Amino acid sequence: MVNKQGLWFLTLISLALVLSVYYITMPNELLLTNNSNFASNDKDSTNEVSNNNVDITESDVITSMRVELEEERQLLQTELQEKLNDKNLSVDEKNKVYEDIQNISKLSTMEETIEKKIKDEFSLNSFVKISDDIVDVVINSKTHDSSLAVNIMKCVGEEFEDKMYISVSFKE
């Protein structure tokens, strides 16, 4: 019987093998992008690659923050799941690990609720991260308005019974 780790290992190795064969057999013309001299077949042409400027929009910053938090929590949940499956842990320790897993789920749900509330009340895209007694809110807005920040803090504060430190920052 193949265990989970063996199955994942086999799957990832198979994927790496398929991708490597694909890239080896792919024609070189597909790998060259935005080369101005590639299209013209001049005999004495130089290979100058045009400079591309990458514009990062606000939603890209918020999206990257969400992805980073999601990966961090996924890694933590994986570690906790491994601990939960450990046969050497006592029942009390397993209960603590299970509570930690549930807490991560509650935090994610609370963050999504706050983001939705900010979207509904202020029509702003946001990113919310809750850790311990700190709530970090990143707003996707070019205007840095202190009265808006205070209103967002009040809105977020309504969601919590305990006192939480709420910080609001604006990303352009």
N, C-alpha and C. Protein backbone atom coordinates (compact mmCIF):
# COMPACT_ATOMS: atom_id res chain seq x y z
N MET A 1 0.85 -1.19 0.00
CA MET A 1 0.00 0.00 0.00
C MET A 1 0.88 1.24 0.00
N VAL A 2 0.58 2.20 -0.83
CA VAL A 2 1.35 3.43 -0.94
C VAL A 2 0.77 4.45 0.05
N ASN A 3 1.64 5.05 0.86
CA ASN A 3 1.16 6.04 1.81
C ASN A 3 1.02 7.40 1.13
N LYS A 4 0.50 8.38 1.86
CA LYS A 4 0.26 9.71 1.30
C LYS A 4 1.55 10.37 0.82
N GLN A 5 2.59 10.29 1.63
CA GLN A 5 3.85 10.93 1.26
C GLN A 5 4.43 10.32 -0.01
N GLY A 6 4.36 9.02 -0.12
CA GLY A 6 4.86 8.35 -1.32
C GLY A 6 4.06 8.74 -2.55
N LEU A 7 2.75 8.86 -2.38
CA LEU A 7 1.89 9.24 -3.49
C LEU A 7 2.19 10.67 -3.94
N TRP A 8 2.35 11.59 -2.99
CA TRP A 8 2.68 12.98 -3.32
C TRP A 8 4.04 13.04 -4.00
N PHE A 9 5.01 12.32 -3.49
CA PHE A 9 6.34 12.31 -4.07
C PHE A 9 6.28 11.81 -5.51
N LEU A 10 5.58 10.72 -5.74
CA LEU A 10 5.44 10.16 -7.07
C LEU A 10 4.74 11.13 -8.01
N THR A 11 3.71 11.81 -7.52
CA THR A 11 2.98 12.78 -8.33
C THR A 11 3.87 13.95 -8.73
N LEU A 12 4.61 14.49 -7.77
CA LEU A 12 5.47 15.64 -8.07
C LEU A 12 6.61 15.27 -9.00
N ILE A 13 7.21 14.10 -8.82
CA ILE A 13 8.28 13.66 -9.72
C ILE A 13 7.73 13.45 -11.13
N SER A 14 6.54 12.89 -11.24
CA SER A 14 5.92 12.69 -12.55
C SER A 14 5.66 14.02 -13.23
N LEU A 15 5.17 14.97 -12.47
CA LEU A 15 4.90 16.30 -13.02
C LEU A 15 6.19 16.96 -13.49
N ALA A 16 7.24 16.87 -12.69
CA ALA A 16 8.53 17.45 -13.08
C ALA A 16 9.06 16.78 -14.34
N LEU A 17 8.91 15.49 -14.45
CA LEU A 17 9.37 14.76 -15.63
C LEU A 17 8.61 15.20 -16.87
N VAL A 18 7.30 15.30 -16.77
CA VAL A 18 6.48 15.70 -17.92
C VAL A 18 6.83 17.12 -18.35
N LEU A 19 6.98 18.04 -17.39
CA LEU A 19 7.32 19.42 -17.74
C LEU A 19 8.71 19.52 -18.36
N SER A 20 9.66 18.76 -17.86
CA SER A 20 11.01 18.82 -18.43
C SER A 20 11.01 18.29 -19.86
N VAL A 21 10.30 17.22 -20.12
CA VAL A 21 10.21 16.69 -21.49
C VAL A 21 9.53 17.71 -22.39
N TYR A 22 8.49 18.37 -21.88
CA TYR A 22 7.78 19.38 -22.66
C TYR A 22 8.71 20.53 -23.04
N TYR A 23 9.47 21.06 -22.08
CA TYR A 23 10.35 22.18 -22.37
C TYR A 23 11.52 21.79 -23.24
N ILE A 24 11.98 20.56 -23.17
CA ILE A 24 13.08 20.12 -24.03
C ILE A 24 12.62 20.00 -25.47
N THR A 25 11.41 19.52 -25.67
CA THR A 25 10.92 19.30 -27.03
C THR A 25 10.27 20.54 -27.64
N MET A 26 10.09 21.61 -26.87
CA MET A 26 9.44 22.82 -27.37
C MET A 26 10.41 23.55 -28.30
N PRO A 27 9.91 24.09 -29.42
CA PRO A 27 10.79 24.83 -30.33
C PRO A 27 11.32 26.10 -29.66
N ASN A 28 12.54 26.50 -30.04
CA ASN A 28 13.19 27.67 -29.44
C ASN A 28 12.44 28.96 -29.74
N GLU A 29 11.73 29.02 -30.86
CA GLU A 29 11.02 30.24 -31.22
C GLU A 29 9.96 30.60 -30.17
N LEU A 30 9.39 29.63 -29.54
CA LEU A 30 8.37 29.90 -28.52
C LEU A 30 8.97 30.44 -27.23
N LEU A 31 10.23 30.15 -26.99
CA LEU A 31 10.88 30.61 -25.77
C LEU A 31 11.32 32.06 -25.85
N LEU A 32 11.54 32.55 -27.06
CA LEU A 32 11.97 33.93 -27.25
C LEU A 32 10.76 34.84 -27.24
N THR A 33 10.78 35.85 -26.39
CA THR A 33 9.65 36.78 -26.33
C THR A 33 10.15 38.20 -26.43
N ASN A 34 9.38 39.02 -27.10
CA ASN A 34 9.64 40.45 -27.23
C ASN A 34 11.04 40.76 -27.74
N ASN A 35 11.55 39.93 -28.63
CA ASN A 35 12.85 40.20 -29.23
C ASN A 35 12.59 40.89 -30.56
N SER A 36 12.96 42.14 -30.67
CA SER A 36 12.62 42.92 -31.86
C SER A 36 13.35 42.42 -33.10
N ASN A 37 14.51 41.83 -32.96
CA ASN A 37 15.28 41.37 -34.11
C ASN A 37 14.94 39.94 -34.50
N PHE A 38 14.16 39.25 -33.73
CA PHE A 38 13.81 37.87 -34.07
C PHE A 38 12.91 37.83 -35.29
N ALA A 39 11.99 38.77 -35.38
CA ALA A 39 11.04 38.77 -36.48
C ALA A 39 11.74 39.07 -37.81
N SER A 40 12.71 39.94 -37.79
CA SER A 40 13.44 40.24 -39.03
C SER A 40 14.62 39.28 -39.14
N ASN A 41 14.82 38.77 -40.32
CA ASN A 41 15.89 37.80 -40.54
C ASN A 41 17.11 38.46 -41.15
N ASP A 42 17.57 39.57 -40.56
CA ASP A 42 18.77 40.24 -41.04
C ASP A 42 19.99 39.39 -40.70
N LYS A 43 20.96 39.38 -41.60
CA LYS A 43 22.14 38.57 -41.38
C LYS A 43 23.05 39.16 -40.32
N ASP A 44 23.12 40.50 -40.23
CA ASP A 44 24.01 41.12 -39.26
C ASP A 44 23.24 41.75 -38.09
N SER A 45 22.09 41.22 -37.77
CA SER A 45 21.30 41.80 -36.69
C SER A 45 21.87 41.37 -35.33
N THR A 46 21.71 42.25 -34.37
CA THR A 46 22.12 41.93 -33.00
C THR A 46 20.90 41.48 -32.22
N ASN A 47 21.15 40.74 -31.16
CA ASN A 47 20.04 40.24 -30.35
C ASN A 47 19.78 41.20 -29.19
N GLU A 48 19.01 42.23 -29.45
CA GLU A 48 18.65 43.18 -28.41
C GLU A 48 17.25 42.83 -27.90
N VAL A 49 17.15 42.70 -26.63
CA VAL A 49 15.86 42.40 -26.02
C VAL A 49 15.27 43.70 -25.53
N SER A 50 14.04 43.95 -25.89
CA SER A 50 13.41 45.20 -25.46
C SER A 50 13.18 45.19 -23.95
N ASN A 51 13.28 46.37 -23.35
CA ASN A 51 13.05 46.48 -21.91
C ASN A 51 11.56 46.56 -21.65
N ASN A 52 11.10 45.71 -20.78
CA ASN A 52 9.69 45.70 -20.41
C ASN A 52 9.55 46.27 -19.02
N ASN A 53 8.66 47.22 -18.87
CA ASN A 53 8.35 47.76 -17.55
C ASN A 53 7.14 47.03 -17.00
N VAL A 54 7.28 46.54 -15.80
CA VAL A 54 6.19 45.82 -15.18
C VAL A 54 5.45 46.79 -14.27
N ASP A 55 4.17 46.96 -14.51
CA ASP A 55 3.36 47.82 -13.67
C ASP A 55 2.62 46.95 -12.67
N ILE A 56 2.84 47.24 -11.41
CA ILE A 56 2.17 46.50 -10.36
C ILE A 56 1.00 47.34 -9.89
N THR A 57 -0.18 46.81 -10.02
CA THR A 57 -1.36 47.55 -9.59
C THR A 57 -1.67 47.21 -8.14
N GLU A 58 -2.58 47.99 -7.58
CA GLU A 58 -2.92 47.82 -6.18
C GLU A 58 -3.48 46.43 -5.92
N SER A 59 -4.31 45.98 -6.82
CA SER A 59 -4.92 44.67 -6.61
C SER A 59 -3.86 43.57 -6.65
N ASP A 60 -2.78 43.80 -7.41
CA ASP A 60 -1.69 42.82 -7.42
C ASP A 60 -1.01 42.74 -6.07
N VAL A 61 -0.84 43.89 -5.43
CA VAL A 61 -0.20 43.91 -4.11
C VAL A 61 -1.09 43.18 -3.10
N ILE A 62 -2.36 43.48 -3.12
CA ILE A 62 -3.29 42.83 -2.18
C ILE A 62 -3.39 41.35 -2.49
N THR A 63 -3.43 41.00 -3.76
CA THR A 63 -3.49 39.59 -4.13
C THR A 63 -2.25 38.85 -3.67
N SER A 64 -1.09 39.46 -3.83
CA SER A 64 0.14 38.80 -3.39
C SER A 64 0.16 38.63 -1.87
N MET A 65 -0.37 39.61 -1.15
CA MET A 65 -0.44 39.49 0.31
C MET A 65 -1.38 38.35 0.71
N ARG A 66 -2.49 38.23 0.00
CA ARG A 66 -3.43 37.13 0.27
C ARG A 66 -2.79 35.78 -0.01
N VAL A 67 -2.10 35.68 -1.13
CA VAL A 67 -1.46 34.42 -1.49
C VAL A 67 -0.39 34.05 -0.47
N GLU A 68 0.39 35.03 -0.04
CA GLU A 68 1.43 34.78 0.95
C GLU A 68 0.83 34.28 2.27
N LEU A 69 -0.24 34.94 2.72
CA LEU A 69 -0.90 34.52 3.96
C LEU A 69 -1.51 33.13 3.80
N GLU A 70 -2.11 32.87 2.65
CA GLU A 70 -2.72 31.56 2.39
C GLU A 70 -1.66 30.46 2.42
N GLU A 71 -0.51 30.71 1.80
CA GLU A 71 0.57 29.71 1.79
C GLU A 71 1.10 29.48 3.20
N GLU A 72 1.25 30.56 3.96
CA GLU A 72 1.75 30.45 5.33
C GLU A 72 0.79 29.62 6.19
N ARG A 73 -0.50 29.89 6.05
CA ARG A 73 -1.48 29.15 6.84
C ARG A 73 -1.62 27.70 6.37
N GLN A 74 -1.49 27.49 5.08
CA GLN A 74 -1.56 26.13 4.55
C GLN A 74 -0.41 25.30 5.08
N LEU A 75 0.78 25.89 5.14
CA LEU A 75 1.95 25.20 5.68
C LEU A 75 1.74 24.89 7.16
N LEU A 76 1.21 25.85 7.90
CA LEU A 76 0.94 25.64 9.32
C LEU A 76 -0.09 24.55 9.53
N GLN A 77 -1.15 24.55 8.72
CA GLN A 77 -2.17 23.51 8.84
C GLN A 77 -1.60 22.14 8.49
N THR A 78 -0.71 22.07 7.53
CA THR A 78 -0.09 20.80 7.17
C THR A 78 0.73 20.27 8.34
N GLU A 79 1.50 21.16 8.97
CA GLU A 79 2.29 20.75 10.13
C GLU A 79 1.39 20.28 11.27
N LEU A 80 0.29 20.99 11.48
CA LEU A 80 -0.63 20.60 12.55
C LEU A 80 -1.32 19.27 12.23
N GLN A 81 -1.64 19.05 10.97
CA GLN A 81 -2.25 17.77 10.57
C GLN A 81 -1.28 16.61 10.82
N GLU A 82 0.00 16.85 10.53
CA GLU A 82 1.00 15.81 10.79
C GLU A 82 1.09 15.52 12.27
N LYS A 83 1.04 16.56 13.10
CA LYS A 83 1.05 16.36 14.54
C LYS A 83 -0.19 15.61 15.00
N LEU A 84 -1.33 15.94 14.39
CA LEU A 84 -2.58 15.30 14.76
C LEU A 84 -2.55 13.81 14.43
N ASN A 85 -1.85 13.43 13.38
CA ASN A 85 -1.76 12.03 12.98
C ASN A 85 -0.65 11.28 13.71
N ASP A 86 0.12 11.98 14.52
CA ASP A 86 1.20 11.36 15.28
C ASP A 86 0.61 10.47 16.38
N LYS A 87 1.03 9.23 16.41
CA LYS A 87 0.50 8.28 17.39
C LYS A 87 1.11 8.46 18.77
N ASN A 88 2.22 9.18 18.87
CA ASN A 88 2.89 9.36 20.15
C ASN A 88 2.29 10.47 21.01
N LEU A 89 1.41 11.30 20.43
CA LEU A 89 0.81 12.39 21.18
C LEU A 89 -0.34 11.89 22.06
N SER A 90 -0.49 12.52 23.20
CA SER A 90 -1.59 12.17 24.09
C SER A 90 -2.89 12.79 23.56
N VAL A 91 -3.99 12.41 24.16
CA VAL A 91 -5.29 12.91 23.74
C VAL A 91 -5.39 14.42 23.98
N ASP A 92 -4.86 14.88 25.11
CA ASP A 92 -4.90 16.31 25.41
C ASP A 92 -4.09 17.11 24.40
N GLU A 93 -2.93 16.60 24.02
CA GLU A 93 -2.10 17.29 23.03
C GLU A 93 -2.79 17.32 21.67
N LYS A 94 -3.45 16.21 21.30
CA LYS A 94 -4.18 16.17 20.04
C LYS A 94 -5.36 17.13 20.06
N ASN A 95 -6.01 17.27 21.20
CA ASN A 95 -7.10 18.22 21.32
C ASN A 95 -6.61 19.65 21.12
N LYS A 96 -5.44 19.95 21.68
CA LYS A 96 -4.84 21.28 21.53
C LYS A 96 -4.51 21.56 20.06
N VAL A 97 -3.95 20.57 19.39
CA VAL A 97 -3.62 20.71 17.97
C VAL A 97 -4.89 20.91 17.16
N TYR A 98 -5.95 20.16 17.48
CA TYR A 98 -7.22 20.29 16.78
C TYR A 98 -7.81 21.69 16.99
N GLU A 99 -7.70 22.21 18.20
CA GLU A 99 -8.19 23.56 18.49
C GLU A 99 -7.40 24.60 17.69
N ASP A 100 -6.11 24.38 17.53
CA ASP A 100 -5.28 25.29 16.73
C ASP A 100 -5.73 25.29 15.27
N ILE A 101 -6.05 24.11 14.75
CA ILE A 101 -6.54 24.01 13.37
C ILE A 101 -7.86 24.75 13.22
N GLN A 102 -8.75 24.57 14.19
CA GLN A 102 -10.04 25.28 14.15
C GLN A 102 -9.84 26.78 14.26
N ASN A 103 -8.88 27.21 15.07
CA ASN A 103 -8.60 28.63 15.24
C ASN A 103 -8.14 29.26 13.92
N ILE A 104 -7.31 28.55 13.18
CA ILE A 104 -6.85 29.05 11.88
C ILE A 104 -8.05 29.23 10.94
N SER A 105 -8.95 28.27 10.96
CA SER A 105 -10.14 28.36 10.12
C SER A 105 -11.02 29.54 10.54
N LYS A 106 -11.17 29.75 11.84
CA LYS A 106 -11.98 30.87 12.33
C LYS A 106 -11.36 32.20 11.93
N LEU A 107 -10.03 32.30 12.03
CA LEU A 107 -9.35 33.54 11.64
C LEU A 107 -9.57 33.85 10.16
N SER A 108 -9.45 32.83 9.33
CA SER A 108 -9.66 33.03 7.89
C SER A 108 -11.08 33.49 7.60
N THR A 109 -12.04 32.89 8.28
CA THR A 109 -13.44 33.27 8.08
C THR A 109 -13.67 34.70 8.55
N MET A 110 -13.11 35.06 9.70
CA MET A 110 -13.26 36.41 10.23
C MET A 110 -12.63 37.44 9.29
N GLU A 111 -11.47 37.12 8.74
CA GLU A 111 -10.80 38.03 7.81
C GLU A 111 -11.65 38.25 6.56
N GLU A 112 -12.22 37.19 6.03
CA GLU A 112 -13.08 37.31 4.85
C GLU A 112 -14.32 38.13 5.16
N THR A 113 -14.88 37.96 6.36
CA THR A 113 -16.06 38.71 6.76
C THR A 113 -15.74 40.20 6.84
N ILE A 114 -14.60 40.54 7.43
CA ILE A 114 -14.22 41.94 7.55
C ILE A 114 -13.95 42.54 6.18
N GLU A 115 -13.28 41.80 5.30
CA GLU A 115 -13.02 42.30 3.95
C GLU A 115 -14.33 42.57 3.22
N LYS A 116 -15.29 41.68 3.37
CA LYS A 116 -16.60 41.85 2.73
C LYS A 116 -17.32 43.07 3.31
N LYS A 117 -17.22 43.25 4.62
CA LYS A 117 -17.87 44.39 5.27
C LYS A 117 -17.26 45.70 4.78
N ILE A 118 -15.94 45.76 4.65
CA ILE A 118 -15.28 46.97 4.14
C ILE A 118 -15.68 47.21 2.70
N LYS A 119 -15.79 46.15 1.91
CA LYS A 119 -16.20 46.27 0.51
C LYS A 119 -17.63 46.80 0.43
N ASP A 120 -18.52 46.29 1.29
CA ASP A 120 -19.92 46.72 1.26
C ASP A 120 -20.10 48.15 1.75
N GLU A 121 -19.45 48.51 2.86
CA GLU A 121 -19.67 49.82 3.46
C GLU A 121 -18.87 50.94 2.80
N PHE A 122 -17.65 50.66 2.36
CA PHE A 122 -16.78 51.71 1.85
C PHE A 122 -16.44 51.56 0.37
N SER A 123 -16.88 50.47 -0.25
CA SER A 123 -16.59 50.19 -1.66
C SER A 123 -15.09 50.20 -1.94
N LEU A 124 -14.33 49.59 -1.05
CA LEU A 124 -12.87 49.52 -1.19
C LEU A 124 -12.41 48.08 -1.11
N ASN A 125 -11.44 47.74 -1.93
CA ASN A 125 -10.81 46.43 -1.82
C ASN A 125 -9.83 46.48 -0.65
N SER A 126 -9.76 45.38 0.08
CA SER A 126 -8.89 45.39 1.26
C SER A 126 -8.29 44.02 1.48
N PHE A 127 -7.28 44.00 2.34
CA PHE A 127 -6.65 42.78 2.81
C PHE A 127 -6.61 42.87 4.32
N VAL A 128 -7.07 41.82 5.00
CA VAL A 128 -7.12 41.80 6.46
C VAL A 128 -6.33 40.61 6.95
N LYS A 129 -5.48 40.86 7.93
CA LYS A 129 -4.72 39.78 8.57
C LYS A 129 -4.88 39.93 10.08
N ILE A 130 -5.34 38.85 10.71
CA ILE A 130 -5.52 38.84 12.16
C ILE A 130 -4.47 37.92 12.75
N SER A 131 -3.72 38.45 13.71
CA SER A 131 -2.74 37.62 14.41
C SER A 131 -2.70 38.09 15.86
N ASP A 132 -2.91 37.14 16.77
CA ASP A 132 -2.96 37.41 18.20
C ASP A 132 -4.00 38.50 18.48
N ASP A 133 -3.58 39.65 18.98
CA ASP A 133 -4.53 40.73 19.26
C ASP A 133 -4.32 41.92 18.32
N ILE A 134 -3.80 41.64 17.12
CA ILE A 134 -3.53 42.69 16.13
C ILE A 134 -4.31 42.39 14.86
N VAL A 135 -4.99 43.43 14.35
CA VAL A 135 -5.70 43.33 13.09
C VAL A 135 -5.06 44.32 12.13
N ASP A 136 -4.43 43.80 11.09
CA ASP A 136 -3.82 44.65 10.06
C ASP A 136 -4.76 44.73 8.87
N VAL A 137 -5.12 45.95 8.49
CA VAL A 137 -6.00 46.17 7.35
C VAL A 137 -5.22 46.98 6.32
N VAL A 138 -5.15 46.47 5.11
CA VAL A 138 -4.50 47.18 4.01
C VAL A 138 -5.60 47.51 3.00
N ILE A 139 -5.73 48.81 2.72
CA ILE A 139 -6.78 49.29 1.84
C ILE A 139 -6.17 49.61 0.48
N ASN A 140 -6.87 49.21 -0.56
CA ASN A 140 -6.47 49.49 -1.94
C ASN A 140 -7.05 50.84 -2.34
N SER A 141 -6.32 51.91 -2.04
CA SER A 141 -6.81 53.25 -2.35
C SER A 141 -5.63 54.20 -2.53
N LYS A 142 -5.78 55.13 -3.47
CA LYS A 142 -4.73 56.12 -3.68
C LYS A 142 -4.84 57.25 -2.68
N THR A 143 -6.03 57.48 -2.17
CA THR A 143 -6.22 58.56 -1.21
C THR A 143 -5.94 58.05 0.19
N HIS A 144 -5.12 58.77 0.93
CA HIS A 144 -4.77 58.41 2.30
C HIS A 144 -5.52 59.35 3.22
N ASP A 145 -6.74 59.00 3.53
CA ASP A 145 -7.61 59.85 4.32
C ASP A 145 -7.68 59.34 5.75
N SER A 146 -7.32 60.21 6.70
CA SER A 146 -7.32 59.77 8.10
C SER A 146 -8.74 59.54 8.62
N SER A 147 -9.70 60.31 8.17
CA SER A 147 -11.08 60.09 8.63
C SER A 147 -11.61 58.76 8.09
N LEU A 148 -11.22 58.40 6.88
CA LEU A 148 -11.61 57.10 6.34
C LEU A 148 -10.97 55.98 7.15
N ALA A 149 -9.71 56.15 7.53
CA ALA A 149 -9.01 55.15 8.34
C ALA A 149 -9.70 54.97 9.69
N VAL A 150 -10.13 56.08 10.30
CA VAL A 150 -10.82 56.01 11.59
C VAL A 150 -12.15 55.29 11.44
N ASN A 151 -12.89 55.59 10.37
CA ASN A 151 -14.17 54.92 10.13
C ASN A 151 -13.98 53.42 9.89
N ILE A 152 -12.92 53.07 9.19
CA ILE A 152 -12.63 51.65 8.95
C ILE A 152 -12.26 50.97 10.26
N MET A 153 -11.49 51.65 11.11
CA MET A 153 -11.14 51.09 12.42
C MET A 153 -12.38 50.84 13.26
N LYS A 154 -13.32 51.78 13.25
CA LYS A 154 -14.57 51.61 14.00
C LYS A 154 -15.37 50.44 13.43
N CYS A 155 -15.42 50.35 12.13
CA CYS A 155 -16.16 49.26 11.47
C CYS A 155 -15.56 47.91 11.82
N VAL A 156 -14.24 47.82 11.79
CA VAL A 156 -13.55 46.56 12.11
C VAL A 156 -13.70 46.26 13.60
N GLY A 157 -13.62 47.29 14.44
CA GLY A 157 -13.72 47.10 15.89
C GLY A 157 -15.06 46.55 16.32
N GLU A 158 -16.12 46.79 15.54
CA GLU A 158 -17.45 46.26 15.86
C GLU A 158 -17.49 44.74 15.78
N GLU A 159 -16.60 44.16 15.05
CA GLU A 159 -16.58 42.70 14.86
C GLU A 159 -15.99 41.95 16.05
N PHE A 160 -15.32 42.67 16.95
CA PHE A 160 -14.61 42.00 18.03
C PHE A 160 -15.18 42.43 19.38
N GLU A 161 -15.30 41.45 20.27
CA GLU A 161 -15.74 41.73 21.64
C GLU A 161 -14.54 42.18 22.47
N ASP A 162 -13.40 41.56 22.28
CA ASP A 162 -12.19 41.91 23.01
C ASP A 162 -11.54 43.14 22.38
N LYS A 163 -10.66 43.76 23.13
CA LYS A 163 -9.92 44.89 22.60
C LYS A 163 -8.84 44.36 21.67
N MET A 164 -8.82 44.91 20.49
CA MET A 164 -7.85 44.53 19.49
C MET A 164 -7.14 45.80 19.01
N TYR A 165 -5.87 45.65 18.70
CA TYR A 165 -5.11 46.75 18.10
C TYR A 165 -5.37 46.67 16.59
N ILE A 166 -5.94 47.73 16.04
CA ILE A 166 -6.32 47.74 14.62
C ILE A 166 -5.46 48.77 13.91
N SER A 167 -4.76 48.33 12.89
CA SER A 167 -3.97 49.26 12.09
C SER A 167 -4.52 49.26 10.65
N VAL A 168 -4.60 50.45 10.08
CA VAL A 168 -5.09 50.60 8.71
C VAL A 168 -3.99 51.29 7.91
N SER A 169 -3.64 50.69 6.80
CA SER A 169 -2.66 51.30 5.91
C SER A 169 -3.22 51.32 4.49
N PHE A 170 -2.75 52.26 3.72
CA PHE A 170 -3.19 52.42 2.34
C PHE A 170 -2.05 52.06 1.41
N LYS A 171 -2.33 51.26 0.43
CA LYS A 171 -1.33 50.90 -0.59
C LYS A 171 -1.78 51.45 -1.92
N GLU A 172 -0.86 52.05 -2.61
CA GLU A 172 -1.16 52.60 -3.93
C GLU A 172 -0.75 51.64 -5.01
